[in-house]
Amino acid sequence: MLEGRFQRLDHQIRLLHLLSKGRYDTFQKTFAMKLSRLEALSPLAVMTRGYSVTRRLPEQKVVRSVDDLALGGQIETILGDGRVESKVDRIEKKRGV
């Protein structure tokens, strides 16, 4: 009778181990997939695909429009592999905007 209880307990322990391992494996796969998505959307990853961020100097304010710039002003363009400082020589605004 006692031996039967030990066998049942041993069986339940093995079953619990299998179930917890399955949950862990599922969690690990889900985590890896979400991490991959997050890395793909990171600003640095986006810039390595050819995008950039331009900031007005010396304030380092992000330029969102040509209205944020002035002739002769200094700007910094941040690229995936470095940065460039430039002087604004010409500003052209789209018509109708």
C-alpha atoms as a PDB file:
ATOM      1  CA  MET A   1       0.000   0.000   0.000  1.00  0.00           C
ATOM      2  CA  LEU A   2       2.783   2.440   0.908  1.00  0.00           C
ATOM      3  CA  GLU A   3       4.761   1.344  -2.148  1.00  0.00           C
ATOM      4  CA  GLY A   4       1.771   2.176  -4.381  1.00  0.00           C
ATOM      5  CA  ARG A   5       1.616   5.685  -2.957  1.00  0.00           C
ATOM      6  CA  PHE A   6       5.344   6.175  -3.611  1.00  0.00           C
ATOM      7  CA  GLN A   7       4.903   5.002  -7.204  1.00  0.00           C
ATOM      8  CA  ARG A   8       1.964   7.374  -7.700  1.00  0.00           C
ATOM      9  CA  LEU A   9       3.958  10.240  -6.150  1.00  0.00           C
ATOM     10  CA  ASP A  10       6.931   9.426  -8.383  1.00  0.00           C
ATOM     11  CA  HIS A  11       4.634   9.402 -11.428  1.00  0.00           C
ATOM     12  CA  GLN A  12       3.134  12.786 -10.444  1.00  0.00           C
ATOM     13  CA  ILE A  13       6.599  14.278  -9.953  1.00  0.00           C
ATOM     14  CA  ARG A  14       7.644  13.114 -13.442  1.00  0.00           C
ATOM     15  CA  LEU A  15       4.432  14.476 -14.922  1.00  0.00           C
ATOM     16  CA  LEU A  16       4.935  17.821 -13.174  1.00  0.00           C
ATOM     17  CA  HIS A  17       8.494  17.986 -14.509  1.00  0.00           C
ATOM     18  CA  LEU A  18       7.327  17.318 -18.084  1.00  0.00           C
ATOM     19  CA  LEU A  19       4.558  19.910 -17.868  1.00  0.00           C
ATOM     20  CA  SER A  20       6.835  22.578 -16.392  1.00  0.00           C
ATOM     21  CA  LYS A  21       9.495  21.906 -19.055  1.00  0.00           C
ATOM     22  CA  GLY A  22       6.864  22.300 -21.782  1.00  0.00           C
ATOM     23  CA  ARG A  23       5.712  25.616 -20.324  1.00  0.00           C
ATOM     24  CA  TYR A  24       9.314  26.794 -20.032  1.00  0.00           C
ATOM     25  CA  ASP A  25      10.043  25.878 -23.666  1.00  0.00           C
ATOM     26  CA  THR A  26       6.902  27.703 -24.823  1.00  0.00           C
ATOM     27  CA  PHE A  27       7.809  30.771 -22.751  1.00  0.00           C
ATOM     28  CA  GLN A  28      11.364  30.760 -24.118  1.00  0.00           C
ATOM     29  CA  LYS A  29      10.167  30.599 -27.751  1.00  0.00           C
ATOM     30  CA  THR A  30       7.621  33.380 -27.182  1.00  0.00           C
ATOM     31  CA  PHE A  31      10.226  35.544 -25.471  1.00  0.00           C
ATOM     32  CA  ALA A  32      12.741  35.047 -28.301  1.00  0.00           C
ATOM     33  CA  MET A  33      10.121  35.962 -30.901  1.00  0.00           C
ATOM     34  CA  LYS A  34       9.105  39.146 -29.055  1.00  0.00           C
ATOM     35  CA  LEU A  35      12.741  40.119 -28.511  1.00  0.00           C
ATOM     36  CA  SER A  36      13.413  39.709 -32.233  1.00  0.00           C
ATOM     37  CA  ARG A  37      10.493  42.011 -33.092  1.00  0.00           C
ATOM     38  CA  LEU A  38      11.656  44.580 -30.576  1.00  0.00           C
ATOM     39  CA  GLU A  39      15.199  44.566 -31.947  1.00  0.00           C
ATOM     40  CA  ALA A  40      13.893  45.015 -35.514  1.00  0.00           C
ATOM     41  CA  LEU A  41      11.996  48.132 -34.443  1.00  0.00           C
ATOM     42  CA  SER A  42      14.781  49.723 -32.416  1.00  0.00           C
ATOM     43  CA  PRO A  43      15.872  53.152 -33.668  1.00  0.00           C
ATOM     44  CA  LEU A  44      19.416  51.937 -34.338  1.00  0.00           C
ATOM     45  CA  ALA A  45      18.174  48.982 -36.401  1.00  0.00           C
ATOM     46  CA  VAL A  46      15.929  51.317 -38.410  1.00  0.00           C
ATOM     47  CA  MET A  47      18.873  53.628 -39.118  1.00  0.00           C
ATOM     48  CA  THR A  48      21.002  50.763 -40.419  1.00  0.00           C
ATOM     49  CA  ARG A  49      18.297  50.263 -43.069  1.00  0.00           C
ATOM     50  CA  GLY A  50      19.011  53.737 -44.460  1.00  0.00           C
ATOM     51  CA  TYR A  51      17.034  56.099 -42.251  1.00  0.00           C
ATOM     52  CA  SER A  52      18.532  58.977 -40.297  1.00  0.00           C
ATOM     53  CA  VAL A  53      17.725  61.546 -37.616  1.00  0.00           C
ATOM     54  CA  THR A  54      18.551  65.219 -38.091  1.00  0.00           C
ATOM     55  CA  ARG A  55      18.917  67.591 -35.151  1.00  0.00           C
ATOM     56  CA  ARG A  56      19.386  71.348 -35.023  1.00  0.00           C
ATOM     57  CA  LEU A  57      22.558  72.434 -33.237  1.00  0.00           C
ATOM     58  CA  PRO A  58      23.459  73.465 -30.607  1.00  0.00           C
ATOM     59  CA  GLU A  59      20.047  72.632 -29.025  1.00  0.00           C
ATOM     60  CA  GLN A  60      20.034  69.092 -30.447  1.00  0.00           C
ATOM     61  CA  LYS A  61      16.312  69.501 -31.187  1.00  0.00           C
ATOM     62  CA  VAL A  62      15.004  66.950 -33.689  1.00  0.00           C
ATOM     63  CA  VAL A  63      14.155  68.567 -37.037  1.00  0.00           C
ATOM     64  CA  ARG A  64      10.592  67.631 -38.045  1.00  0.00           C
ATOM     65  CA  SER A  65      10.001  70.339 -40.643  1.00  0.00           C
ATOM     66  CA  VAL A  66      11.897  72.834 -42.778  1.00  0.00           C
ATOM     67  CA  ASP A  67      10.249  75.417 -40.523  1.00  0.00           C
ATOM     68  CA  ASP A  68      12.577  74.206 -37.742  1.00  0.00           C
ATOM     69  CA  LEU A  69      15.626  75.381 -39.729  1.00  0.00           C
ATOM     70  CA  ALA A  70      17.257  78.712 -40.548  1.00  0.00           C
ATOM     71  CA  LEU A  71      19.724  79.629 -43.284  1.00  0.00           C
ATOM     72  CA  GLY A  72      23.260  79.359 -41.979  1.00  0.00           C
ATOM     73  CA  GLY A  73      22.159  77.130 -39.098  1.00  0.00           C
ATOM     74  CA  GLN A  74      24.102  74.068 -38.037  1.00  0.00           C
ATOM     75  CA  ILE A  75      22.553  70.608 -38.129  1.00  0.00           C
ATOM     76  CA  GLU A  76      23.680  67.127 -37.158  1.00  0.00           C
ATOM     77  CA  THR A  77      22.535  64.060 -39.091  1.00  0.00           C
ATOM     78  CA  ILE A  78      22.805  60.753 -37.251  1.00  0.00           C
ATOM     79  CA  LEU A  79      23.167  57.699 -39.488  1.00  0.00           C
ATOM     80  CA  GLY A  80      23.458  54.007 -38.757  1.00  0.00           C
ATOM     81  CA  ASP A  81      27.254  54.121 -38.894  1.00  0.00           C
ATOM     82  CA  GLY A  82      28.053  57.614 -37.631  1.00  0.00           C
ATOM     83  CA  ARG A  83      27.081  61.272 -37.761  1.00  0.00           C
ATOM     84  CA  VAL A  84      27.597  64.318 -39.979  1.00  0.00           C
ATOM     85  CA  GLU A  85      27.516  68.020 -39.102  1.00  0.00           C
ATOM     86  CA  SER A  86      26.313  70.380 -41.827  1.00  0.00           C
ATOM     87  CA  LYS A  87      25.460  74.036 -42.465  1.00  0.00           C
ATOM     88  CA  VAL A  88      22.055  74.895 -43.953  1.00  0.00           C
ATOM     89  CA  ASP A  89      22.694  76.686 -47.272  1.00  0.00           C
ATOM     90  CA  ARG A  90      19.234  76.412 -48.815  1.00  0.00           C
ATOM     91  CA  ILE A  91      15.702  75.656 -47.606  1.00  0.00           C
ATOM     92  CA  GLU A  92      12.938  74.605 -49.977  1.00  0.00           C
ATOM     93  CA  LYS A  93       9.419  74.019 -48.730  1.00  0.00           C
ATOM     94  CA  LYS A  94       6.921  71.898 -50.699  1.00  0.00           C
ATOM     95  CA  ARG A  95       4.138  73.895 -52.272  1.00  0.00           C
ATOM     96  CA  GLY A  96       0.737  73.497 -50.690  1.00  0.00           C
ATOM     97  CA  VAL A  97       2.039  72.243 -47.373  1.00  0.00           C
END
